[in-house]
Amino acid sequence: MLLRRFTEGDLDDLAALHGDPEVMRRIDDGRPVPRAAVEHGTLPALLRGYAELPPGQGCFAAVERGSGEFLGWFSLAPASSTGLSGGTELGYRLRPAVWGRGLATEGARELVRLAFADLGADRVVATTMTVNTASRRVLEKAGLRHVRTFFEEWPDYIEGAEHGDVEYALTREQWHRTPS
């Protein structure tokens, strides 16, 4: 798998990913994102991020090394999710067709390494729904540790929201002590 910057030519793949009900069922309001919202909001924001975020941060398209097939995306950016205070936030979304192949873990581990080794981050953080056991396992395999469970008020509750969200984190010191 390769991680590269998004381009305007990635619209179809990004719209398909964000428009997939299975991908979106535990994100934001749990609904697929309309193509127009991806075209006029999401993709332009990702492209702006390369200029506005610190160097090396942003959202990166994940593609298969040999074929260039779009797999999803991984991101590193200053923490902005509800409930987080500080740190560099790790995020990812992958197409359901590639779930279960270890790609989420591979990408998450690489971005954790990048955050600490190349970007000088002090802390990497991530959130997911408590019931999202697959994502929680990816974060654990990437070295992050469960910090807390928290509850946010949402205008529309999605299935599983009653169990709250979880924060995972890893500090630079913990990362240095972790065997490779």
N, C-alpha and C. Protein backbone atom coordinates (compact mmCIF):
# COMPACT_ATOMS: atom_id res chain seq x y z
N MET A 1 0.84 -1.18 0.00
CA MET A 1 0.00 0.00 0.00
C MET A 1 0.89 1.24 0.00
N LEU A 2 0.46 2.23 -0.77
CA LEU A 2 1.12 3.53 -0.81
C LEU A 2 0.16 4.60 -0.31
N LEU A 3 0.69 5.60 0.36
CA LEU A 3 -0.10 6.76 0.75
C LEU A 3 0.39 7.93 -0.08
N ARG A 4 -0.54 8.65 -0.69
CA ARG A 4 -0.19 9.80 -1.52
C ARG A 4 -1.22 10.90 -1.30
N ARG A 5 -0.87 12.11 -1.74
CA ARG A 5 -1.82 13.22 -1.63
C ARG A 5 -3.02 12.98 -2.55
N PHE A 6 -4.16 13.46 -2.11
CA PHE A 6 -5.35 13.45 -2.96
C PHE A 6 -5.17 14.47 -4.08
N THR A 7 -5.86 14.23 -5.19
CA THR A 7 -5.93 15.18 -6.30
C THR A 7 -7.41 15.33 -6.66
N GLU A 8 -7.72 16.28 -7.51
CA GLU A 8 -9.09 16.46 -7.98
C GLU A 8 -9.58 15.22 -8.73
N GLY A 9 -8.65 14.47 -9.31
CA GLY A 9 -9.00 13.25 -10.03
C GLY A 9 -9.48 12.12 -9.14
N ASP A 10 -9.40 12.28 -7.82
CA ASP A 10 -9.85 11.26 -6.88
C ASP A 10 -11.31 11.40 -6.47
N LEU A 11 -12.02 12.34 -7.08
CA LEU A 11 -13.40 12.61 -6.68
C LEU A 11 -14.27 11.35 -6.70
N ASP A 12 -14.26 10.59 -7.78
CA ASP A 12 -15.15 9.43 -7.88
C ASP A 12 -14.88 8.43 -6.76
N ASP A 13 -13.61 8.14 -6.50
CA ASP A 13 -13.27 7.18 -5.46
C ASP A 13 -13.64 7.69 -4.08
N LEU A 14 -13.35 8.96 -3.80
CA LEU A 14 -13.68 9.53 -2.50
C LEU A 14 -15.19 9.59 -2.30
N ALA A 15 -15.92 9.97 -3.33
CA ALA A 15 -17.38 10.03 -3.23
C ALA A 15 -17.96 8.64 -3.01
N ALA A 16 -17.41 7.63 -3.65
CA ALA A 16 -17.89 6.26 -3.46
C ALA A 16 -17.62 5.80 -2.02
N LEU A 17 -16.44 6.13 -1.49
CA LEU A 17 -16.09 5.75 -0.12
C LEU A 17 -17.02 6.41 0.88
N HIS A 18 -17.17 7.72 0.78
CA HIS A 18 -18.01 8.46 1.73
C HIS A 18 -19.50 8.24 1.49
N GLY A 19 -19.83 7.75 0.33
CA GLY A 19 -21.23 7.45 0.03
C GLY A 19 -21.63 6.03 0.37
N ASP A 20 -20.70 5.23 0.87
CA ASP A 20 -20.97 3.83 1.20
C ASP A 20 -21.62 3.74 2.58
N PRO A 21 -22.85 3.23 2.67
CA PRO A 21 -23.53 3.15 3.97
C PRO A 21 -22.77 2.32 5.00
N GLU A 22 -22.07 1.28 4.57
CA GLU A 22 -21.32 0.44 5.50
C GLU A 22 -20.13 1.20 6.09
N VAL A 23 -19.47 1.99 5.29
CA VAL A 23 -18.34 2.80 5.76
C VAL A 23 -18.81 3.85 6.76
N MET A 24 -19.92 4.47 6.45
CA MET A 24 -20.36 5.63 7.22
C MET A 24 -21.26 5.30 8.42
N ARG A 25 -21.62 4.06 8.61
CA ARG A 25 -22.62 3.73 9.63
C ARG A 25 -22.21 4.07 11.05
N ARG A 26 -20.92 4.22 11.33
CA ARG A 26 -20.46 4.57 12.68
C ARG A 26 -19.65 5.86 12.69
N ILE A 27 -19.91 6.71 11.69
CA ILE A 27 -19.19 7.98 11.58
C ILE A 27 -20.20 9.12 11.47
N ASP A 28 -19.93 10.20 12.18
CA ASP A 28 -20.78 11.40 12.15
C ASP A 28 -22.23 11.04 12.43
N ASP A 29 -23.13 11.29 11.46
CA ASP A 29 -24.55 11.01 11.70
C ASP A 29 -24.95 9.62 11.22
N GLY A 30 -23.97 8.81 10.79
CA GLY A 30 -24.25 7.44 10.38
C GLY A 30 -24.82 7.31 8.98
N ARG A 31 -24.88 8.42 8.25
CA ARG A 31 -25.47 8.40 6.91
C ARG A 31 -24.40 8.58 5.84
N PRO A 32 -24.63 7.99 4.67
CA PRO A 32 -23.72 8.24 3.54
C PRO A 32 -23.70 9.73 3.20
N VAL A 33 -22.57 10.19 2.72
CA VAL A 33 -22.40 11.59 2.34
C VAL A 33 -22.73 11.72 0.85
N PRO A 34 -23.60 12.64 0.48
CA PRO A 34 -23.93 12.83 -0.94
C PRO A 34 -22.71 13.24 -1.75
N ARG A 35 -22.67 12.78 -2.99
CA ARG A 35 -21.55 13.11 -3.88
C ARG A 35 -21.29 14.62 -3.96
N ALA A 36 -22.34 15.41 -4.05
CA ALA A 36 -22.18 16.86 -4.15
C ALA A 36 -21.45 17.42 -2.93
N ALA A 37 -21.73 16.88 -1.76
CA ALA A 37 -21.05 17.34 -0.54
C ALA A 37 -19.57 16.98 -0.58
N VAL A 38 -19.24 15.82 -1.13
CA VAL A 38 -17.84 15.42 -1.27
C VAL A 38 -17.15 16.32 -2.30
N GLU A 39 -17.84 16.55 -3.42
CA GLU A 39 -17.26 17.35 -4.51
C GLU A 39 -17.03 18.81 -4.10
N HIS A 40 -17.99 19.39 -3.39
CA HIS A 40 -17.92 20.82 -3.09
C HIS A 40 -17.43 21.13 -1.68
N GLY A 41 -17.34 20.12 -0.84
CA GLY A 41 -16.90 20.35 0.54
C GLY A 41 -15.70 19.51 0.95
N THR A 42 -15.91 18.20 0.97
CA THR A 42 -14.88 17.30 1.50
C THR A 42 -13.58 17.36 0.71
N LEU A 43 -13.63 17.12 -0.59
CA LEU A 43 -12.40 17.08 -1.39
C LEU A 43 -11.69 18.44 -1.40
N PRO A 44 -12.37 19.55 -1.62
CA PRO A 44 -11.66 20.84 -1.56
C PRO A 44 -11.00 21.09 -0.19
N ALA A 45 -11.66 20.66 0.89
CA ALA A 45 -11.07 20.83 2.22
C ALA A 45 -9.80 19.99 2.37
N LEU A 46 -9.84 18.76 1.85
CA LEU A 46 -8.65 17.91 1.92
C LEU A 46 -7.50 18.53 1.14
N LEU A 47 -7.79 19.06 -0.03
CA LEU A 47 -6.75 19.67 -0.86
C LEU A 47 -6.18 20.94 -0.21
N ARG A 48 -7.06 21.75 0.41
CA ARG A 48 -6.60 22.94 1.13
C ARG A 48 -5.70 22.56 2.30
N GLY A 49 -6.00 21.42 2.90
CA GLY A 49 -5.24 20.98 4.07
C GLY A 49 -3.75 20.84 3.81
N TYR A 50 -3.36 20.49 2.59
CA TYR A 50 -1.94 20.35 2.29
C TYR A 50 -1.20 21.68 2.45
N ALA A 51 -1.86 22.78 2.21
CA ALA A 51 -1.24 24.09 2.35
C ALA A 51 -1.43 24.66 3.76
N GLU A 52 -2.54 24.30 4.43
CA GLU A 52 -2.88 24.92 5.70
C GLU A 52 -2.36 24.17 6.92
N LEU A 53 -2.19 22.85 6.81
CA LEU A 53 -1.74 22.06 7.94
C LEU A 53 -0.22 22.05 8.02
N PRO A 54 0.32 21.70 9.18
CA PRO A 54 1.78 21.58 9.27
C PRO A 54 2.31 20.57 8.23
N PRO A 55 3.52 20.77 7.75
CA PRO A 55 4.09 19.86 6.75
C PRO A 55 4.02 18.39 7.21
N GLY A 56 3.66 17.52 6.27
CA GLY A 56 3.56 16.09 6.56
C GLY A 56 2.21 15.66 7.10
N GLN A 57 1.34 16.62 7.40
CA GLN A 57 0.02 16.28 7.91
C GLN A 57 -1.01 16.49 6.81
N GLY A 58 -2.17 15.87 7.02
CA GLY A 58 -3.26 15.97 6.06
C GLY A 58 -3.90 14.61 5.88
N CYS A 59 -4.72 14.52 4.86
CA CYS A 59 -5.43 13.28 4.54
C CYS A 59 -4.82 12.73 3.25
N PHE A 60 -4.46 11.46 3.27
CA PHE A 60 -3.73 10.85 2.16
C PHE A 60 -4.48 9.66 1.60
N ALA A 61 -4.58 9.61 0.29
CA ALA A 61 -5.22 8.49 -0.39
C ALA A 61 -4.35 7.24 -0.20
N ALA A 62 -4.98 6.15 0.13
CA ALA A 62 -4.29 4.86 0.23
C ALA A 62 -4.60 4.09 -1.06
N VAL A 63 -3.55 3.70 -1.76
CA VAL A 63 -3.71 2.97 -3.02
C VAL A 63 -2.85 1.72 -3.00
N GLU A 64 -3.31 0.72 -3.72
CA GLU A 64 -2.53 -0.51 -3.82
C GLU A 64 -1.26 -0.22 -4.60
N ARG A 65 -0.16 -0.70 -4.08
CA ARG A 65 1.16 -0.38 -4.65
C ARG A 65 1.28 -0.77 -6.12
N GLY A 66 0.86 -1.93 -6.50
CA GLY A 66 1.03 -2.39 -7.87
C GLY A 66 0.02 -1.82 -8.85
N SER A 67 -1.24 -1.88 -8.47
CA SER A 67 -2.31 -1.52 -9.42
C SER A 67 -2.76 -0.07 -9.33
N GLY A 68 -2.47 0.59 -8.21
CA GLY A 68 -2.97 1.95 -8.01
C GLY A 68 -4.43 2.00 -7.59
N GLU A 69 -5.03 0.83 -7.33
CA GLU A 69 -6.44 0.76 -6.92
C GLU A 69 -6.63 1.54 -5.62
N PHE A 70 -7.68 2.37 -5.59
CA PHE A 70 -8.02 3.16 -4.41
C PHE A 70 -8.53 2.26 -3.31
N LEU A 71 -7.94 2.37 -2.13
CA LEU A 71 -8.31 1.54 -0.98
C LEU A 71 -9.07 2.33 0.08
N GLY A 72 -8.78 3.62 0.17
CA GLY A 72 -9.38 4.45 1.21
C GLY A 72 -8.46 5.60 1.52
N TRP A 73 -8.46 6.04 2.79
CA TRP A 73 -7.56 7.12 3.19
C TRP A 73 -7.12 7.00 4.64
N PHE A 74 -6.01 7.68 4.93
CA PHE A 74 -5.47 7.80 6.28
C PHE A 74 -5.15 9.27 6.50
N SER A 75 -5.27 9.73 7.74
CA SER A 75 -4.98 11.14 8.00
C SER A 75 -4.25 11.34 9.31
N LEU A 76 -3.48 12.41 9.34
CA LEU A 76 -2.83 12.93 10.54
C LEU A 76 -3.06 14.43 10.53
N ALA A 77 -3.57 14.96 11.62
CA ALA A 77 -3.83 16.39 11.69
C ALA A 77 -3.94 16.79 13.16
N PRO A 78 -3.81 18.08 13.46
CA PRO A 78 -4.04 18.50 14.84
C PRO A 78 -5.42 18.01 15.30
N ALA A 79 -5.47 17.49 16.50
CA ALA A 79 -6.71 16.90 17.02
C ALA A 79 -7.85 17.90 16.97
N SER A 80 -8.96 17.46 16.37
CA SER A 80 -10.12 18.35 16.27
C SER A 80 -11.43 17.63 16.56
N SER A 81 -11.40 16.33 16.74
CA SER A 81 -12.64 15.60 17.01
C SER A 81 -13.24 16.04 18.33
N THR A 82 -14.54 15.95 18.40
CA THR A 82 -15.25 16.27 19.62
C THR A 82 -14.69 15.42 20.75
N GLY A 83 -14.40 16.05 21.87
CA GLY A 83 -13.94 15.33 23.04
C GLY A 83 -12.43 15.27 23.18
N LEU A 84 -11.68 15.63 22.16
CA LEU A 84 -10.22 15.58 22.25
C LEU A 84 -9.66 16.94 22.63
N SER A 85 -8.58 16.91 23.39
CA SER A 85 -7.90 18.16 23.73
C SER A 85 -6.40 17.96 23.48
N GLY A 86 -5.97 18.39 22.33
CA GLY A 86 -4.55 18.33 22.00
C GLY A 86 -4.12 17.02 21.39
N GLY A 87 -2.92 17.04 20.81
CA GLY A 87 -2.35 15.86 20.19
C GLY A 87 -2.51 15.90 18.68
N THR A 88 -1.95 14.91 18.04
CA THR A 88 -2.06 14.72 16.60
C THR A 88 -3.03 13.58 16.37
N GLU A 89 -4.11 13.87 15.65
CA GLU A 89 -5.18 12.89 15.50
C GLU A 89 -4.96 12.00 14.29
N LEU A 90 -5.10 10.71 14.52
CA LEU A 90 -5.02 9.67 13.49
C LEU A 90 -6.44 9.31 13.06
N GLY A 91 -6.65 9.20 11.75
CA GLY A 91 -7.95 8.79 11.23
C GLY A 91 -7.77 7.93 10.01
N TYR A 92 -8.80 7.18 9.66
CA TYR A 92 -8.74 6.33 8.47
C TYR A 92 -10.14 5.87 8.08
N ARG A 93 -10.29 5.59 6.80
CA ARG A 93 -11.50 4.97 6.24
C ARG A 93 -11.05 4.10 5.08
N LEU A 94 -11.55 2.90 5.04
CA LEU A 94 -11.21 1.98 3.96
C LEU A 94 -12.47 1.41 3.34
N ARG A 95 -12.37 1.05 2.06
CA ARG A 95 -13.49 0.41 1.36
C ARG A 95 -13.78 -0.95 2.00
N PRO A 96 -15.04 -1.32 2.17
CA PRO A 96 -15.38 -2.61 2.77
C PRO A 96 -14.74 -3.80 2.04
N ALA A 97 -14.53 -3.67 0.73
CA ALA A 97 -13.94 -4.77 -0.03
C ALA A 97 -12.53 -5.13 0.44
N VAL A 98 -11.86 -4.20 1.14
CA VAL A 98 -10.50 -4.49 1.60
C VAL A 98 -10.41 -4.65 3.12
N TRP A 99 -11.54 -4.63 3.81
CA TRP A 99 -11.54 -4.85 5.25
C TRP A 99 -11.04 -6.26 5.53
N GLY A 100 -10.38 -6.43 6.66
CA GLY A 100 -9.92 -7.74 7.09
C GLY A 100 -8.59 -8.17 6.48
N ARG A 101 -7.93 -7.29 5.74
CA ARG A 101 -6.65 -7.63 5.11
C ARG A 101 -5.45 -7.04 5.85
N GLY A 102 -5.68 -6.37 6.97
CA GLY A 102 -4.59 -5.80 7.74
C GLY A 102 -4.14 -4.43 7.25
N LEU A 103 -4.84 -3.88 6.27
CA LEU A 103 -4.43 -2.59 5.71
C LEU A 103 -4.62 -1.43 6.69
N ALA A 104 -5.69 -1.47 7.46
CA ALA A 104 -5.92 -0.40 8.43
C ALA A 104 -4.80 -0.39 9.46
N THR A 105 -4.41 -1.57 9.93
CA THR A 105 -3.31 -1.65 10.89
C THR A 105 -2.01 -1.18 10.26
N GLU A 106 -1.73 -1.61 9.05
CA GLU A 106 -0.51 -1.21 8.34
C GLU A 106 -0.42 0.31 8.21
N GLY A 107 -1.51 0.92 7.74
CA GLY A 107 -1.52 2.36 7.57
C GLY A 107 -1.44 3.11 8.88
N ALA A 108 -2.17 2.64 9.90
CA ALA A 108 -2.16 3.30 11.20
C ALA A 108 -0.76 3.23 11.82
N ARG A 109 -0.12 2.08 11.74
CA ARG A 109 1.24 1.95 12.28
C ARG A 109 2.20 2.89 11.57
N GLU A 110 2.07 2.99 10.26
CA GLU A 110 2.98 3.87 9.50
C GLU A 110 2.76 5.33 9.89
N LEU A 111 1.51 5.74 10.08
CA LEU A 111 1.27 7.14 10.45
C LEU A 111 1.70 7.43 11.88
N VAL A 112 1.59 6.46 12.77
CA VAL A 112 2.10 6.63 14.13
C VAL A 112 3.62 6.82 14.06
N ARG A 113 4.29 5.98 13.28
CA ARG A 113 5.75 6.11 13.11
C ARG A 113 6.10 7.48 12.54
N LEU A 114 5.39 7.89 11.49
CA LEU A 114 5.62 9.18 10.86
C LEU A 114 5.43 10.32 11.87
N ALA A 115 4.35 10.25 12.63
CA ALA A 115 4.05 11.31 13.60
C ALA A 115 5.19 11.50 14.59
N PHE A 116 5.72 10.41 15.12
CA PHE A 116 6.76 10.52 16.14
C PHE A 116 8.15 10.68 15.54
N ALA A 117 8.49 9.87 14.56
CA ALA A 117 9.86 9.86 14.02
C ALA A 117 10.15 11.05 13.11
N ASP A 118 9.18 11.46 12.31
CA ASP A 118 9.44 12.50 11.31
C ASP A 118 8.81 13.86 11.65
N LEU A 119 7.68 13.86 12.31
CA LEU A 119 6.95 15.11 12.53
C LEU A 119 7.12 15.67 13.94
N GLY A 120 7.73 14.92 14.83
CA GLY A 120 7.99 15.41 16.17
C GLY A 120 6.77 15.51 17.07
N ALA A 121 5.73 14.74 16.79
CA ALA A 121 4.53 14.77 17.63
C ALA A 121 4.85 14.30 19.04
N ASP A 122 4.15 14.84 20.01
CA ASP A 122 4.29 14.41 21.39
C ASP A 122 3.26 13.35 21.76
N ARG A 123 2.11 13.37 21.05
CA ARG A 123 1.02 12.47 21.40
C ARG A 123 0.16 12.23 20.16
N VAL A 124 -0.18 10.98 19.90
CA VAL A 124 -1.10 10.62 18.82
C VAL A 124 -2.39 10.15 19.48
N VAL A 125 -3.52 10.65 18.99
CA VAL A 125 -4.83 10.33 19.56
C VAL A 125 -5.79 9.88 18.46
N ALA A 126 -6.81 9.16 18.86
CA ALA A 126 -7.86 8.74 17.93
C ALA A 126 -9.12 8.45 18.73
N THR A 127 -10.26 8.58 18.07
CA THR A 127 -11.53 8.22 18.69
C THR A 127 -12.31 7.30 17.76
N THR A 128 -13.18 6.53 18.36
CA THR A 128 -14.12 5.70 17.62
C THR A 128 -15.29 5.40 18.55
N MET A 129 -16.34 4.85 17.99
CA MET A 129 -17.46 4.44 18.83
C MET A 129 -17.05 3.24 19.67
N THR A 130 -17.53 3.17 20.89
CA THR A 130 -17.24 2.05 21.78
C THR A 130 -17.55 0.72 21.10
N VAL A 131 -18.66 0.67 20.35
CA VAL A 131 -19.09 -0.59 19.73
C VAL A 131 -18.29 -0.95 18.48
N ASN A 132 -17.41 -0.07 18.02
CA ASN A 132 -16.64 -0.34 16.80
C ASN A 132 -15.40 -1.15 17.17
N THR A 133 -15.61 -2.43 17.45
CA THR A 133 -14.52 -3.28 17.94
C THR A 133 -13.41 -3.45 16.90
N ALA A 134 -13.74 -3.46 15.63
CA ALA A 134 -12.70 -3.60 14.60
C ALA A 134 -11.75 -2.40 14.62
N SER A 135 -12.29 -1.21 14.70
CA SER A 135 -11.45 -0.01 14.73
C SER A 135 -10.66 0.05 16.03
N ARG A 136 -11.26 -0.33 17.13
CA ARG A 136 -10.54 -0.35 18.40
C ARG A 136 -9.35 -1.29 18.33
N ARG A 137 -9.53 -2.43 17.69
CA ARG A 137 -8.43 -3.40 17.57
C ARG A 137 -7.31 -2.82 16.70
N VAL A 138 -7.64 -2.13 15.63
CA VAL A 138 -6.63 -1.48 14.79
C VAL A 138 -5.81 -0.50 15.63
N LEU A 139 -6.47 0.33 16.42
CA LEU A 139 -5.77 1.32 17.24
C LEU A 139 -4.84 0.63 18.24
N GLU A 140 -5.31 -0.47 18.83
CA GLU A 140 -4.47 -1.21 19.77
C GLU A 140 -3.26 -1.82 19.06
N LYS A 141 -3.46 -2.38 17.88
CA LYS A 141 -2.35 -2.96 17.12
C LYS A 141 -1.35 -1.89 16.68
N ALA A 142 -1.82 -0.66 16.52
CA ALA A 142 -0.93 0.45 16.16
C ALA A 142 -0.21 1.01 17.38
N GLY A 143 -0.49 0.46 18.56
CA GLY A 143 0.19 0.86 19.78
C GLY A 143 -0.55 1.82 20.67
N LEU A 144 -1.71 2.32 20.22
CA LEU A 144 -2.47 3.25 21.04
C LEU A 144 -3.16 2.50 22.17
N ARG A 145 -3.40 3.21 23.25
CA ARG A 145 -4.01 2.60 24.44
C ARG A 145 -5.31 3.32 24.79
N HIS A 146 -6.25 2.54 25.28
CA HIS A 146 -7.54 3.12 25.68
C HIS A 146 -7.30 4.10 26.83
N VAL A 147 -7.81 5.32 26.66
CA VAL A 147 -7.66 6.36 27.67
C VAL A 147 -8.95 6.54 28.45
N ARG A 148 -10.07 6.58 27.72
CA ARG A 148 -11.34 6.84 28.40
C ARG A 148 -12.51 6.55 27.46
N THR A 149 -13.66 6.38 28.08
CA THR A 149 -14.92 6.31 27.37
C THR A 149 -15.66 7.60 27.69
N PHE A 150 -16.27 8.21 26.68
CA PHE A 150 -16.96 9.47 26.92
C PHE A 150 -18.26 9.49 26.12
N PHE A 151 -19.14 10.37 26.52
CA PHE A 151 -20.45 10.50 25.90
C PHE A 151 -20.65 11.91 25.41
N GLU A 152 -21.05 12.05 24.17
CA GLU A 152 -21.30 13.34 23.56
C GLU A 152 -22.78 13.44 23.21
N GLU A 153 -23.27 14.65 23.17
CA GLU A 153 -24.63 14.90 22.71
C GLU A 153 -24.60 15.03 21.19
N TRP A 154 -25.42 14.26 20.50
CA TRP A 154 -25.50 14.31 19.05
C TRP A 154 -26.94 14.64 18.66
N PRO A 155 -27.12 15.41 17.60
CA PRO A 155 -28.49 15.73 17.18
C PRO A 155 -29.26 14.48 16.78
N ASP A 156 -28.60 13.54 16.14
CA ASP A 156 -29.22 12.28 15.76
C ASP A 156 -28.35 11.15 16.28
N TYR A 157 -28.95 10.28 17.08
CA TYR A 157 -28.18 9.16 17.61
C TYR A 157 -28.18 8.02 16.60
N ILE A 158 -27.02 7.40 16.44
CA ILE A 158 -26.92 6.24 15.56
C ILE A 158 -26.79 5.00 16.43
N GLU A 159 -27.05 3.87 15.86
CA GLU A 159 -27.00 2.61 16.59
C GLU A 159 -25.66 2.45 17.29
N GLY A 160 -25.71 2.18 18.57
CA GLY A 160 -24.50 1.99 19.37
C GLY A 160 -24.06 3.24 20.12
N ALA A 161 -24.63 4.41 19.79
CA ALA A 161 -24.21 5.66 20.43
C ALA A 161 -24.47 5.65 21.93
N GLU A 162 -25.42 4.85 22.37
CA GLU A 162 -25.73 4.79 23.80
C GLU A 162 -24.56 4.24 24.62
N HIS A 163 -23.59 3.60 23.95
CA HIS A 163 -22.41 3.06 24.62
C HIS A 163 -21.25 4.05 24.63
N GLY A 164 -21.42 5.18 23.97
CA GLY A 164 -20.42 6.23 23.97
C GLY A 164 -19.33 6.04 22.94
N ASP A 165 -18.32 6.86 23.09
CA ASP A 165 -17.13 6.83 22.24
C ASP A 165 -15.92 6.55 23.12
N VAL A 166 -14.84 6.15 22.49
CA VAL A 166 -13.61 5.89 23.22
C VAL A 166 -12.48 6.72 22.64
N GLU A 167 -11.59 7.14 23.51
CA GLU A 167 -10.36 7.82 23.10
C GLU A 167 -9.21 6.87 23.32
N TYR A 168 -8.34 6.81 22.32
CA TYR A 168 -7.09 6.05 22.41
C TYR A 168 -5.96 7.04 22.22
N ALA A 169 -4.81 6.78 22.84
CA ALA A 169 -3.68 7.68 22.71
C ALA A 169 -2.37 6.92 22.90
N LEU A 170 -1.32 7.53 22.40
CA LEU A 170 0.04 7.03 22.58
C LEU A 170 0.96 8.23 22.65
N THR A 171 1.80 8.28 23.67
CA THR A 171 2.75 9.38 23.80
C THR A 171 4.07 8.99 23.15
N ARG A 172 4.88 9.98 22.88
CA ARG A 172 6.20 9.76 22.32
C ARG A 172 7.02 8.82 23.22
N GLU A 173 6.97 9.04 24.53
CA GLU A 173 7.72 8.21 25.47
C GLU A 173 7.25 6.75 25.41
N GLN A 174 5.95 6.53 25.37
CA GLN A 174 5.42 5.17 25.27
C GLN A 174 5.86 4.52 23.97
N TRP A 175 5.83 5.29 22.88
CA TRP A 175 6.22 4.76 21.57
C TRP A 175 7.69 4.34 21.58
N HIS A 176 8.55 5.14 22.20
CA HIS A 176 9.97 4.80 22.27
C HIS A 176 10.21 3.51 23.06
N ARG A 177 9.35 3.23 24.03
CA ARG A 177 9.50 2.04 24.87
C ARG A 177 8.88 0.80 24.25
N THR A 178 8.11 0.98 23.15
CA THR A 178 7.42 -0.14 22.51
C THR A 178 8.38 -0.89 21.59
N PRO A 179 8.50 -2.23 21.77
CA PRO A 179 9.37 -2.99 20.86
C PRO A 179 8.83 -2.96 19.44
N SER A 180 9.71 -2.90 18.48
CA SER A 180 9.31 -2.85 17.05
C SER A 180 8.85 -4.19 16.56
